[in-house]
Amino acid sequence: MSSQKLPLALFDPPCSFRTAALDALAAAGRASRVAVTSPSLAGLRAAVEAGVGLTVRTRHSLTGPLLADVGAELALPPLPTAAFCLYAGGDERWPEREDFLEMCRRLG
């Protein structure tokens, strides 16, 4: 186990991914520090690509040459499964909803 604090790039609170990462690391006795926070995914991506820290995202967001699943390589503790819910009126149609539903079907 590394004695160095693991630098993290996380969303501003409240954020389920932030909580899951910090809780899992603490439970595993792995020291960490929040190196950067951002209110946007673009900010997190920029921090990770600049080497400022690691972040927690879903697998489908691991795109680009510098983003990869490094959990096993760094012996990081497992994270809980993320669940997403979409609530909308039964007959209501809007493009974003349909795009989200299609993505969920592909990943599910």
PDB file of N, CA and C in Angstrom:
ATOM      1  N   MET A   1       0.839  -1.181   0.000  1.00  0.00           N
ATOM      2  CA  MET A   1       0.000   0.000   0.000  1.00  0.00           C
ATOM      3  C   MET A   1       0.883   1.242   0.000  1.00  0.00           C
ATOM      4  N   SER A   2       0.545   2.182  -0.849  1.00  0.00           N
ATOM      5  CA  SER A   2       1.346   3.388  -0.982  1.00  0.00           C
ATOM      6  C   SER A   2       1.150   4.311   0.218  1.00  0.00           C
ATOM      7  N   SER A   3       2.235   4.964   0.651  1.00  0.00           N
ATOM      8  CA  SER A   3       2.123   5.914   1.748  1.00  0.00           C
ATOM      9  C   SER A   3       1.821   7.307   1.216  1.00  0.00           C
ATOM     10  N   GLN A   4       1.953   7.500  -0.094  1.00  0.00           N
ATOM     11  CA  GLN A   4       1.632   8.788  -0.706  1.00  0.00           C
ATOM     12  C   GLN A   4       0.135   8.973  -0.801  1.00  0.00           C
ATOM     13  N   LYS A   5      -0.315  10.204  -0.592  1.00  0.00           N
ATOM     14  CA  LYS A   5      -1.743  10.490  -0.723  1.00  0.00           C
ATOM     15  C   LYS A   5      -2.122  10.499  -2.203  1.00  0.00           C
ATOM     16  N   LEU A   6      -3.175   9.799  -2.532  1.00  0.00           N
ATOM     17  CA  LEU A   6      -3.673   9.710  -3.894  1.00  0.00           C
ATOM     18  C   LEU A   6      -4.365  11.022  -4.244  1.00  0.00           C
ATOM     19  N   PRO A   7      -3.887  11.754  -5.267  1.00  0.00           N
ATOM     20  CA  PRO A   7      -4.527  13.018  -5.639  1.00  0.00           C
ATOM     21  C   PRO A   7      -5.808  12.758  -6.431  1.00  0.00           C
ATOM     22  N   LEU A   8      -6.873  13.445  -6.052  1.00  0.00           N
ATOM     23  CA  LEU A   8      -8.162  13.241  -6.690  1.00  0.00           C
ATOM     24  C   LEU A   8      -8.665  14.520  -7.342  1.00  0.00           C
ATOM     25  N   ALA A   9      -9.357  14.343  -8.449  1.00  0.00           N
ATOM     26  CA  ALA A   9     -10.060  15.429  -9.134  1.00  0.00           C
ATOM     27  C   ALA A   9     -11.542  15.062  -9.056  1.00  0.00           C
ATOM     28  N   LEU A  10     -12.306  15.846  -8.307  1.00  0.00           N
ATOM     29  CA  LEU A  10     -13.684  15.476  -8.020  1.00  0.00           C
ATOM     30  C   LEU A  10     -14.640  16.638  -8.265  1.00  0.00           C
ATOM     31  N   PHE A  11     -15.904  16.283  -8.514  1.00  0.00           N
ATOM     32  CA  PHE A  11     -16.936  17.309  -8.589  1.00  0.00           C
ATOM     33  C   PHE A  11     -17.071  17.978  -7.233  1.00  0.00           C
ATOM     34  N   ASP A  12     -17.576  19.192  -7.246  1.00  0.00           N
ATOM     35  CA  ASP A  12     -17.926  19.869  -6.005  1.00  0.00           C
ATOM     36  C   ASP A  12     -19.020  19.050  -5.304  1.00  0.00           C
ATOM     37  N   PRO A  13     -19.079  19.090  -3.969  1.00  0.00           N
ATOM     38  CA  PRO A  13     -20.174  18.398  -3.286  1.00  0.00           C
ATOM     39  C   PRO A  13     -21.493  19.144  -3.534  1.00  0.00           C
ATOM     40  N   PRO A  14     -22.613  18.492  -3.454  1.00  0.00           N
ATOM     41  CA  PRO A  14     -22.780  17.057  -3.242  1.00  0.00           C
ATOM     42  C   PRO A  14     -22.620  16.294  -4.544  1.00  0.00           C
ATOM     43  N   CYS A  15     -21.993  15.131  -4.485  1.00  0.00           N
ATOM     44  CA  CYS A  15     -21.775  14.299  -5.665  1.00  0.00           C
ATOM     45  C   CYS A  15     -21.619  12.849  -5.208  1.00  0.00           C
ATOM     46  N   SER A  16     -22.419  11.964  -5.760  1.00  0.00           N
ATOM     47  CA  SER A  16     -22.366  10.546  -5.380  1.00  0.00           C
ATOM     48  C   SER A  16     -21.025   9.919  -5.725  1.00  0.00           C
ATOM     49  N   PHE A  17     -20.437  10.297  -6.857  1.00  0.00           N
ATOM     50  CA  PHE A  17     -19.139   9.743  -7.246  1.00  0.00           C
ATOM     51  C   PHE A  17     -18.052  10.181  -6.260  1.00  0.00           C
ATOM     52  N   ARG A  18     -18.107  11.433  -5.854  1.00  0.00           N
ATOM     53  CA  ARG A  18     -17.144  11.957  -4.880  1.00  0.00           C
ATOM     54  C   ARG A  18     -17.248  11.179  -3.571  1.00  0.00           C
ATOM     55  N   THR A  19     -18.476  11.045  -3.072  1.00  0.00           N
ATOM     56  CA  THR A  19     -18.712  10.330  -1.818  1.00  0.00           C
ATOM     57  C   THR A  19     -18.242   8.882  -1.917  1.00  0.00           C
ATOM     58  N   ALA A  20     -18.577   8.210  -3.016  1.00  0.00           N
ATOM     59  CA  ALA A  20     -18.180   6.807  -3.198  1.00  0.00           C
ATOM     60  C   ALA A  20     -16.665   6.668  -3.203  1.00  0.00           C
ATOM     61  N   ALA A  21     -15.981   7.554  -3.908  1.00  0.00           N
ATOM     62  CA  ALA A  21     -14.517   7.485  -3.980  1.00  0.00           C
ATOM     63  C   ALA A  21     -13.886   7.703  -2.610  1.00  0.00           C
ATOM     64  N   LEU A  22     -14.293   8.761  -1.931  1.00  0.00           N
ATOM     65  CA  LEU A  22     -13.702   9.077  -0.628  1.00  0.00           C
ATOM     66  C   LEU A  22     -14.014   8.002   0.406  1.00  0.00           C
ATOM     67  N   ASP A  23     -15.244   7.497   0.403  1.00  0.00           N
ATOM     68  CA  ASP A  23     -15.615   6.441   1.355  1.00  0.00           C
ATOM     69  C   ASP A  23     -14.848   5.149   1.098  1.00  0.00           C
ATOM     70  N   ALA A  24     -14.719   4.747  -0.171  1.00  0.00           N
ATOM     71  CA  ALA A  24     -14.015   3.505  -0.512  1.00  0.00           C
ATOM     72  C   ALA A  24     -12.537   3.597  -0.133  1.00  0.00           C
ATOM     73  N   LEU A  25     -11.927   4.729  -0.419  1.00  0.00           N
ATOM     74  CA  LEU A  25     -10.511   4.905  -0.086  1.00  0.00           C
ATOM     75  C   LEU A  25     -10.307   4.908   1.426  1.00  0.00           C
ATOM     76  N   ALA A  26     -11.184   5.595   2.152  1.00  0.00           N
ATOM     77  CA  ALA A  26     -11.066   5.632   3.617  1.00  0.00           C
ATOM     78  C   ALA A  26     -11.258   4.243   4.211  1.00  0.00           C
ATOM     79  N   ALA A  27     -12.243   3.504   3.708  1.00  0.00           N
ATOM     80  CA  ALA A  27     -12.504   2.149   4.229  1.00  0.00           C
ATOM     81  C   ALA A  27     -11.333   1.220   3.963  1.00  0.00           C
ATOM     82  N   ALA A  28     -10.613   1.454   2.869  1.00  0.00           N
ATOM     83  CA  ALA A  28      -9.461   0.624   2.525  1.00  0.00           C
ATOM     84  C   ALA A  28      -8.183   1.115   3.202  1.00  0.00           C
ATOM     85  N   GLY A  29      -8.272   2.218   3.944  1.00  0.00           N
ATOM     86  CA  GLY A  29      -7.090   2.764   4.597  1.00  0.00           C
ATOM     87  C   GLY A  29      -6.133   3.426   3.636  1.00  0.00           C
ATOM     88  N   ARG A  30      -6.627   3.832   2.494  1.00  0.00           N
ATOM     89  CA  ARG A  30      -5.795   4.458   1.455  1.00  0.00           C
ATOM     90  C   ARG A  30      -5.863   5.973   1.594  1.00  0.00           C
ATOM     91  N   ALA A  31      -4.739   6.595   1.838  1.00  0.00           N
ATOM     92  CA  ALA A  31      -4.684   8.047   2.008  1.00  0.00           C
ATOM     93  C   ALA A  31      -4.951   8.742   0.681  1.00  0.00           C
ATOM     94  N   SER A  32      -5.738   9.801   0.740  1.00  0.00           N
ATOM     95  CA  SER A  32      -6.035  10.565  -0.470  1.00  0.00           C
ATOM     96  C   SER A  32      -6.152  12.032  -0.113  1.00  0.00           C
ATOM     97  N   ARG A  33      -6.125  12.843  -1.146  1.00  0.00           N
ATOM     98  CA  ARG A  33      -6.338  14.278  -0.962  1.00  0.00           C
ATOM     99  C   ARG A  33      -7.093  14.785  -2.185  1.00  0.00           C
ATOM    100  N   VAL A  34      -7.955  15.741  -1.974  1.00  0.00           N
ATOM    101  CA  VAL A  34      -8.674  16.351  -3.090  1.00  0.00           C
ATOM    102  C   VAL A  34      -7.742  17.404  -3.670  1.00  0.00           C
ATOM    103  N   ALA A  35      -7.196  17.115  -4.845  1.00  0.00           N
ATOM    104  CA  ALA A  35      -6.247  18.018  -5.492  1.00  0.00           C
ATOM    105  C   ALA A  35      -6.949  19.140  -6.244  1.00  0.00           C
ATOM    106  N   VAL A  36      -8.129  18.827  -6.777  1.00  0.00           N
ATOM    107  CA  VAL A  36      -8.885  19.839  -7.522  1.00  0.00           C
ATOM    108  C   VAL A  36     -10.366  19.483  -7.477  1.00  0.00           C
ATOM    109  N   THR A  37     -11.199  20.504  -7.429  1.00  0.00           N
ATOM    110  CA  THR A  37     -12.638  20.298  -7.560  1.00  0.00           C
ATOM    111  C   THR A  37     -13.116  21.126  -8.740  1.00  0.00           C
ATOM    112  N   SER A  38     -14.218  20.674  -9.312  1.00  0.00           N
ATOM    113  CA  SER A  38     -14.788  21.371 -10.458  1.00  0.00           C
ATOM    114  C   SER A  38     -16.295  21.165 -10.463  1.00  0.00           C
ATOM    115  N   PRO A  39     -17.027  22.145 -10.949  1.00  0.00           N
ATOM    116  CA  PRO A  39     -18.469  21.957 -11.100  1.00  0.00           C
ATOM    117  C   PRO A  39     -18.826  21.307 -12.436  1.00  0.00           C
ATOM    118  N   SER A  40     -17.806  21.042 -13.284  1.00  0.00           N
ATOM    119  CA  SER A  40     -18.099  20.527 -14.629  1.00  0.00           C
ATOM    120  C   SER A  40     -17.246  19.309 -14.981  1.00  0.00           C
ATOM    121  N   LEU A  41     -17.793  18.469 -15.850  1.00  0.00           N
ATOM    122  CA  LEU A  41     -17.051  17.310 -16.341  1.00  0.00           C
ATOM    123  C   LEU A  41     -15.848  17.760 -17.156  1.00  0.00           C
ATOM    124  N   ALA A  42     -15.986  18.838 -17.911  1.00  0.00           N
ATOM    125  CA  ALA A  42     -14.858  19.362 -18.695  1.00  0.00           C
ATOM    126  C   ALA A  42     -13.696  19.735 -17.774  1.00  0.00           C
ATOM    127  N   GLY A  43     -14.004  20.294 -16.616  1.00  0.00           N
ATOM    128  CA  GLY A  43     -12.955  20.649 -15.657  1.00  0.00           C
ATOM    129  C   GLY A  43     -12.255  19.427 -15.098  1.00  0.00           C
ATOM    130  N   LEU A  44     -13.027  18.383 -14.806  1.00  0.00           N
ATOM    131  CA  LEU A  44     -12.424  17.140 -14.311  1.00  0.00           C
ATOM    132  C   LEU A  44     -11.540  16.509 -15.374  1.00  0.00           C
ATOM    133  N   ARG A  45     -12.040  16.464 -16.609  1.00  0.00           N
ATOM    134  CA  ARG A  45     -11.254  15.886 -17.707  1.00  0.00           C
ATOM    135  C   ARG A  45      -9.940  16.642 -17.875  1.00  0.00           C
ATOM    136  N   ALA A  46     -10.006  17.963 -17.828  1.00  0.00           N
ATOM    137  CA  ALA A  46      -8.795  18.777 -17.988  1.00  0.00           C
ATOM    138  C   ALA A  46      -7.799  18.479 -16.868  1.00  0.00           C
ATOM    139  N   ALA A  47      -8.286  18.351 -15.633  1.00  0.00           N
ATOM    140  CA  ALA A  47      -7.397  18.058 -14.509  1.00  0.00           C
ATOM    141  C   ALA A  47      -6.743  16.694 -14.657  1.00  0.00           C
ATOM    142  N   VAL A  48      -7.526  15.694 -15.067  1.00  0.00           N
ATOM    143  CA  VAL A  48      -6.986  14.339 -15.252  1.00  0.00           C
ATOM    144  C   VAL A  48      -5.979  14.326 -16.398  1.00  0.00           C
ATOM    145  N   GLU A  49      -6.337  14.954 -17.502  1.00  0.00           N
ATOM    146  CA  GLU A  49      -5.429  14.971 -18.657  1.00  0.00           C
ATOM    147  C   GLU A  49      -4.145  15.737 -18.368  1.00  0.00           C
ATOM    148  N   ALA A  50      -4.205  16.706 -17.441  1.00  0.00           N
ATOM    149  CA  ALA A  50      -3.006  17.453 -17.056  1.00  0.00           C
ATOM    150  C   ALA A  50      -2.189  16.708 -15.994  1.00  0.00           C
ATOM    151  N   GLY A  51      -2.714  15.584 -15.507  1.00  0.00           N
ATOM    152  CA  GLY A  51      -1.981  14.799 -14.518  1.00  0.00           C
ATOM    153  C   GLY A  51      -2.120  15.308 -13.096  1.00  0.00           C
ATOM    154  N   VAL A  52      -3.126  16.147 -12.838  1.00  0.00           N
ATOM    155  CA  VAL A  52      -3.326  16.715 -11.510  1.00  0.00           C
ATOM    156  C   VAL A  52      -3.886  15.688 -10.535  1.00  0.00           C
ATOM    157  N   GLY A  53      -4.717  14.779 -11.037  1.00  0.00           N
ATOM    158  CA  GLY A  53      -5.303  13.785 -10.156  1.00  0.00           C
ATOM    159  C   GLY A  53      -6.139  12.780 -10.905  1.00  0.00           C
ATOM    160  N   LEU A  54      -6.678  11.823 -10.162  1.00  0.00           N
ATOM    161  CA  LEU A  54      -7.562  10.795 -10.703  1.00  0.00           C
ATOM    162  C   LEU A  54      -8.995  11.187 -10.397  1.00  0.00           C
ATOM    163  N   THR A  55      -9.919  10.700 -11.207  1.00  0.00           N
ATOM    164  CA  THR A  55     -11.322  10.958 -10.949  1.00  0.00           C
ATOM    165  C   THR A  55     -12.121   9.674 -11.056  1.00  0.00           C
ATOM    166  N   VAL A  56     -13.349   9.713 -10.620  1.00  0.00           N
ATOM    167  CA  VAL A  56     -14.258   8.569 -10.688  1.00  0.00           C
ATOM    168  C   VAL A  56     -15.373   8.920 -11.654  1.00  0.00           C
ATOM    169  N   ARG A  57     -15.522   8.104 -12.692  1.00  0.00           N
ATOM    170  CA  ARG A  57     -16.565   8.302 -13.702  1.00  0.00           C
ATOM    171  C   ARG A  57     -17.094   6.937 -14.098  1.00  0.00           C
ATOM    172  N   THR A  58     -18.164   6.925 -14.857  1.00  0.00           N
ATOM    173  CA  THR A  58     -18.668   5.671 -15.399  1.00  0.00           C
ATOM    174  C   THR A  58     -17.779   5.237 -16.551  1.00  0.00           C
ATOM    175  N   ARG A  59     -17.799   3.951 -16.873  1.00  0.00           N
ATOM    176  CA  ARG A  59     -16.937   3.421 -17.934  1.00  0.00           C
ATOM    177  C   ARG A  59     -17.196   4.074 -19.290  1.00  0.00           C
ATOM    178  N   HIS A  60     -18.449   4.425 -19.580  1.00  0.00           N
ATOM    179  CA  HIS A  60     -18.736   4.997 -20.903  1.00  0.00           C
ATOM    180  C   HIS A  60     -18.119   6.381 -21.084  1.00  0.00           C
ATOM    181  N   SER A  61     -17.689   7.019 -19.999  1.00  0.00           N
ATOM    182  CA  SER A  61     -17.064   8.339 -20.140  1.00  0.00           C
ATOM    183  C   SER A  61     -15.545   8.262 -20.255  1.00  0.00           C
ATOM    184  N   LEU A  62     -15.002   7.047 -20.311  1.00  0.00           N
ATOM    185  CA  LEU A  62     -13.552   6.878 -20.470  1.00  0.00           C
ATOM    186  C   LEU A  62     -13.193   6.959 -21.954  1.00  0.00           C
ATOM    187  N   THR A  63     -13.212   8.150 -22.472  1.00  0.00           N
ATOM    188  CA  THR A  63     -12.879   8.359 -23.871  1.00  0.00           C
ATOM    189  C   THR A  63     -11.676   9.282 -23.960  1.00  0.00           C
ATOM    190  N   GLY A  64     -10.924   9.131 -24.999  1.00  0.00           N
ATOM    191  CA  GLY A  64      -9.739   9.963 -25.181  1.00  0.00           C
ATOM    192  C   GLY A  64      -8.484   9.193 -24.839  1.00  0.00           C
ATOM    193  N   PRO A  65      -7.365   9.633 -25.345  1.00  0.00           N
ATOM    194  CA  PRO A  65      -6.107   8.888 -25.176  1.00  0.00           C
ATOM    195  C   PRO A  65      -5.569   8.858 -23.745  1.00  0.00           C
ATOM    196  N   LEU A  66      -5.952   9.803 -22.914  1.00  0.00           N
ATOM    197  CA  LEU A  66      -5.384   9.861 -21.569  1.00  0.00           C
ATOM    198  C   LEU A  66      -6.313   9.341 -20.481  1.00  0.00           C
ATOM    199  N   LEU A  67      -7.504   8.902 -20.852  1.00  0.00           N
ATOM    200  CA  LEU A  67      -8.448   8.431 -19.845  1.00  0.00           C
ATOM    201  C   LEU A  67      -8.550   6.917 -19.908  1.00  0.00           C
ATOM    202  N   ALA A  68      -8.349   6.266 -18.773  1.00  0.00           N
ATOM    203  CA  ALA A  68      -8.388   4.802 -18.719  1.00  0.00           C
ATOM    204  C   ALA A  68      -8.758   4.356 -17.317  1.00  0.00           C
ATOM    205  N   ASP A  69      -9.215   3.133 -17.211  1.00  0.00           N
ATOM    206  CA  ASP A  69      -9.540   2.536 -15.921  1.00  0.00           C
ATOM    207  C   ASP A  69      -8.227   2.070 -15.291  1.00  0.00           C
ATOM    208  N   VAL A  70      -7.781   2.755 -14.248  1.00  0.00           N
ATOM    209  CA  VAL A  70      -6.501   2.434 -13.605  1.00  0.00           C
ATOM    210  C   VAL A  70      -6.682   1.811 -12.228  1.00  0.00           C
ATOM    211  N   GLY A  71      -7.922   1.449 -11.891  1.00  0.00           N
ATOM    212  CA  GLY A  71      -8.199   0.907 -10.558  1.00  0.00           C
ATOM    213  C   GLY A  71      -7.352  -0.287 -10.194  1.00  0.00           C
ATOM    214  N   ALA A  72      -7.304  -1.288 -11.066  1.00  0.00           N
ATOM    215  CA  ALA A  72      -6.530  -2.500 -10.776  1.00  0.00           C
ATOM    216  C   ALA A  72      -5.030  -2.198 -10.760  1.00  0.00           C
ATOM    217  N   GLU A  73      -4.594  -1.403 -11.718  1.00  0.00           N
ATOM    218  CA  GLU A  73      -3.170  -1.064 -11.824  1.00  0.00           C
ATOM    219  C   GLU A  73      -2.652  -0.372 -10.561  1.00  0.00           C
ATOM    220  N   LEU A  74      -3.481   0.457  -9.942  1.00  0.00           N
ATOM    221  CA  LEU A  74      -3.088   1.185  -8.737  1.00  0.00           C
ATOM    222  C   LEU A  74      -3.592   0.534  -7.455  1.00  0.00           C
ATOM    223  N   ALA A  75      -4.139  -0.669  -7.572  1.00  0.00           N
ATOM    224  CA  ALA A  75      -4.672  -1.414  -6.426  1.00  0.00           C
ATOM    225  C   ALA A  75      -5.684  -0.592  -5.629  1.00  0.00           C
ATOM    226  N   LEU A  76      -6.597   0.045  -6.357  1.00  0.00           N
ATOM    227  CA  LEU A  76      -7.628   0.849  -5.717  1.00  0.00           C
ATOM    228  C   LEU A  76      -8.789  -0.034  -5.291  1.00  0.00           C
ATOM    229  N   PRO A  77      -9.482   0.349  -4.238  1.00  0.00           N
ATOM    230  CA  PRO A  77     -10.610  -0.461  -3.779  1.00  0.00           C
ATOM    231  C   PRO A  77     -11.769  -0.394  -4.775  1.00  0.00           C
ATOM    232  N   PRO A  78     -12.600  -1.424  -4.800  1.00  0.00           N
ATOM    233  CA  PRO A  78     -13.753  -1.406  -5.701  1.00  0.00           C
ATOM    234  C   PRO A  78     -14.758  -0.350  -5.266  1.00  0.00           C
ATOM    235  N   LEU A  79     -15.511   0.136  -6.232  1.00  0.00           N
ATOM    236  CA  LEU A  79     -16.547   1.130  -5.972  1.00  0.00           C
ATOM    237  C   LEU A  79     -17.923   0.492  -6.120  1.00  0.00           C
ATOM    238  N   PRO A  80     -18.923   1.067  -5.484  1.00  0.00           N
ATOM    239  CA  PRO A  80     -20.274   0.517  -5.636  1.00  0.00           C
ATOM    240  C   PRO A  80     -20.792   0.746  -7.056  1.00  0.00           C
ATOM    241  N   THR A  81     -21.777  -0.039  -7.422  1.00  0.00           N
ATOM    242  CA  THR A  81     -22.422   0.126  -8.715  1.00  0.00           C
ATOM    243  C   THR A  81     -23.259   1.396  -8.693  1.00  0.00           C
ATOM    244  N   ALA A  82     -23.190   2.155  -9.765  1.00  0.00           N
ATOM    245  CA  ALA A  82     -23.992   3.384  -9.873  1.00  0.00           C
ATOM    246  C   ALA A  82     -25.321   3.055 -10.531  1.00  0.00           C
ATOM    247  N   ALA A  83     -26.367   3.664 -10.021  1.00  0.00           N
ATOM    248  CA  ALA A  83     -27.702   3.491 -10.604  1.00  0.00           C
ATOM    249  C   ALA A  83     -28.232   4.855 -11.015  1.00  0.00           C
ATOM    250  N   PHE A  84     -28.831   4.913 -12.179  1.00  0.00           N
ATOM    251  CA  PHE A  84     -29.386   6.153 -12.689  1.00  0.00           C
ATOM    252  C   PHE A  84     -30.869   5.965 -12.944  1.00  0.00           C
ATOM    253  N   CYS A  85     -31.646   6.983 -12.638  1.00  0.00           N
ATOM    254  CA  CYS A  85     -33.094   6.932 -12.861  1.00  0.00           C
ATOM    255  C   CYS A  85     -33.516   8.168 -13.639  1.00  0.00           C
ATOM    256  N   LEU A  86     -34.474   7.980 -14.510  1.00  0.00           N
ATOM    257  CA  LEU A  86     -35.029   9.087 -15.276  1.00  0.00           C
ATOM    258  C   LEU A  86     -36.532   9.091 -15.053  1.00  0.00           C
ATOM    259  N   TYR A  87     -37.042  10.192 -14.569  1.00  0.00           N
ATOM    260  CA  TYR A  87     -38.470  10.328 -14.336  1.00  0.00           C
ATOM    261  C   TYR A  87     -39.010  11.384 -15.289  1.00  0.00           C
ATOM    262  N   ALA A  88     -40.027  11.022 -16.058  1.00  0.00           N
ATOM    263  CA  ALA A  88     -40.650  11.960 -16.988  1.00  0.00           C
ATOM    264  C   ALA A  88     -42.080  11.524 -17.235  1.00  0.00           C
ATOM    265  N   GLY A  89     -42.898  12.458 -17.703  1.00  0.00           N
ATOM    266  CA  GLY A  89     -44.287  12.133 -18.028  1.00  0.00           C
ATOM    267  C   GLY A  89     -44.345  11.044 -19.082  1.00  0.00           C
ATOM    268  N   GLY A  90     -45.364  10.188 -18.992  1.00  0.00           N
ATOM    269  CA  GLY A  90     -45.483   9.032 -19.875  1.00  0.00           C
ATOM    270  C   GLY A  90     -45.405   9.324 -21.359  1.00  0.00           C
ATOM    271  N   ASP A  91     -46.124  10.321 -21.837  1.00  0.00           N
ATOM    272  CA  ASP A  91     -46.137  10.610 -23.270  1.00  0.00           C
ATOM    273  C   ASP A  91     -45.196  11.741 -23.652  1.00  0.00           C
ATOM    274  N   GLU A  92     -44.522  12.276 -22.678  1.00  0.00           N
ATOM    275  CA  GLU A  92     -43.622  13.391 -22.933  1.00  0.00           C
ATOM    276  C   GLU A  92     -42.410  12.920 -23.747  1.00  0.00           C
ATOM    277  N   ARG A  93     -42.100  13.593 -24.828  1.00  0.00           N
ATOM    278  CA  ARG A  93     -40.948  13.245 -25.678  1.00  0.00           C
ATOM    279  C   ARG A  93     -40.046  14.465 -25.830  1.00  0.00           C
ATOM    280  N   TRP A  94     -38.771  14.259 -25.611  1.00  0.00           N
ATOM    281  CA  TRP A  94     -37.783  15.293 -25.887  1.00  0.00           C
ATOM    282  C   TRP A  94     -36.476  14.596 -26.227  1.00  0.00           C
ATOM    283  N   PRO A  95     -35.700  15.153 -27.119  1.00  0.00           N
ATOM    284  CA  PRO A  95     -34.504  14.468 -27.656  1.00  0.00           C
ATOM    285  C   PRO A  95     -33.519  14.005 -26.585  1.00  0.00           C
ATOM    286  N   GLU A  96     -33.280  14.818 -25.570  1.00  0.00           N
ATOM    287  CA  GLU A  96     -32.309  14.450 -24.544  1.00  0.00           C
ATOM    288  C   GLU A  96     -32.754  13.199 -23.796  1.00  0.00           C
ATOM    289  N   ARG A  97     -34.057  13.121 -23.514  1.00  0.00           N
ATOM    290  CA  ARG A  97     -34.586  11.942 -22.832  1.00  0.00           C
ATOM    291  C   ARG A  97     -34.384  10.699 -23.676  1.00  0.00           C
ATOM    292  N   GLU A  98     -34.704  10.795 -24.938  1.00  0.00           N
ATOM    293  CA  GLU A  98     -34.564   9.643 -25.824  1.00  0.00           C
ATOM    294  C   GLU A  98     -33.103   9.233 -25.978  1.00  0.00           C
ATOM    295  N   ASP A  99     -32.194  10.207 -26.053  1.00  0.00           N
ATOM    296  CA  ASP A  99     -30.754   9.906 -26.133  1.00  0.00           C
ATOM    297  C   ASP A  99     -30.284   9.197 -24.866  1.00  0.00           C
ATOM    298  N   PHE A 100     -30.729   9.686 -23.711  1.00  0.00           N
ATOM    299  CA  PHE A 100     -30.341   9.079 -22.447  1.00  0.00           C
ATOM    300  C   PHE A 100     -30.864   7.651 -22.339  1.00  0.00           C
ATOM    301  N   LEU A 101     -32.121   7.457 -22.709  1.00  0.00           N
ATOM    302  CA  LEU A 101     -32.696   6.115 -22.656  1.00  0.00           C
ATOM    303  C   LEU A 101     -31.954   5.154 -23.582  1.00  0.00           C
ATOM    304  N   GLU A 102     -31.601   5.609 -24.757  1.00  0.00           N
ATOM    305  CA  GLU A 102     -30.864   4.756 -25.699  1.00  0.00           C
ATOM    306  C   GLU A 102     -29.486   4.400 -25.125  1.00  0.00           C
ATOM    307  N   MET A 103     -28.814   5.353 -24.512  1.00  0.00           N
ATOM    308  CA  MET A 103     -27.515   5.063 -23.910  1.00  0.00           C
ATOM    309  C   MET A 103     -27.661   4.021 -22.799  1.00  0.00           C
ATOM    310  N   CYS A 104     -28.700   4.170 -21.969  1.00  0.00           N
ATOM    311  CA  CYS A 104     -28.936   3.198 -20.891  1.00  0.00           C
ATOM    312  C   CYS A 104     -29.201   1.805 -21.453  1.00  0.00           C
ATOM    313  N   ARG A 105     -29.945   1.730 -22.521  1.00  0.00           N
ATOM    314  CA  ARG A 105     -30.228   0.425 -23.140  1.00  0.00           C
ATOM    315  C   ARG A 105     -28.940  -0.219 -23.659  1.00  0.00           C
ATOM    316  N   ARG A 106     -28.070   0.567 -24.261  1.00  0.00           N
ATOM    317  CA  ARG A 106     -26.813   0.031 -24.798  1.00  0.00           C
ATOM    318  C   ARG A 106     -25.887  -0.444 -23.677  1.00  0.00           C
ATOM    319  N   LEU A 107     -25.835   0.304 -22.576  1.00  0.00           N
ATOM    320  CA  LEU A 107     -24.928  -0.016 -21.484  1.00  0.00           C
ATOM    321  C   LEU A 107     -25.478  -1.073 -20.547  1.00  0.00           C
ATOM    322  N   GLY A 108     -26.810  -1.199 -20.512  1.00  0.00           N
ATOM    323  CA  GLY A 108     -27.452  -2.100 -19.575  1.00  0.00           C
ATOM    324  C   GLY A 108     -27.226  -3.505 -19.942  1.00  0.00           C
TER     325      GLY A 108
END
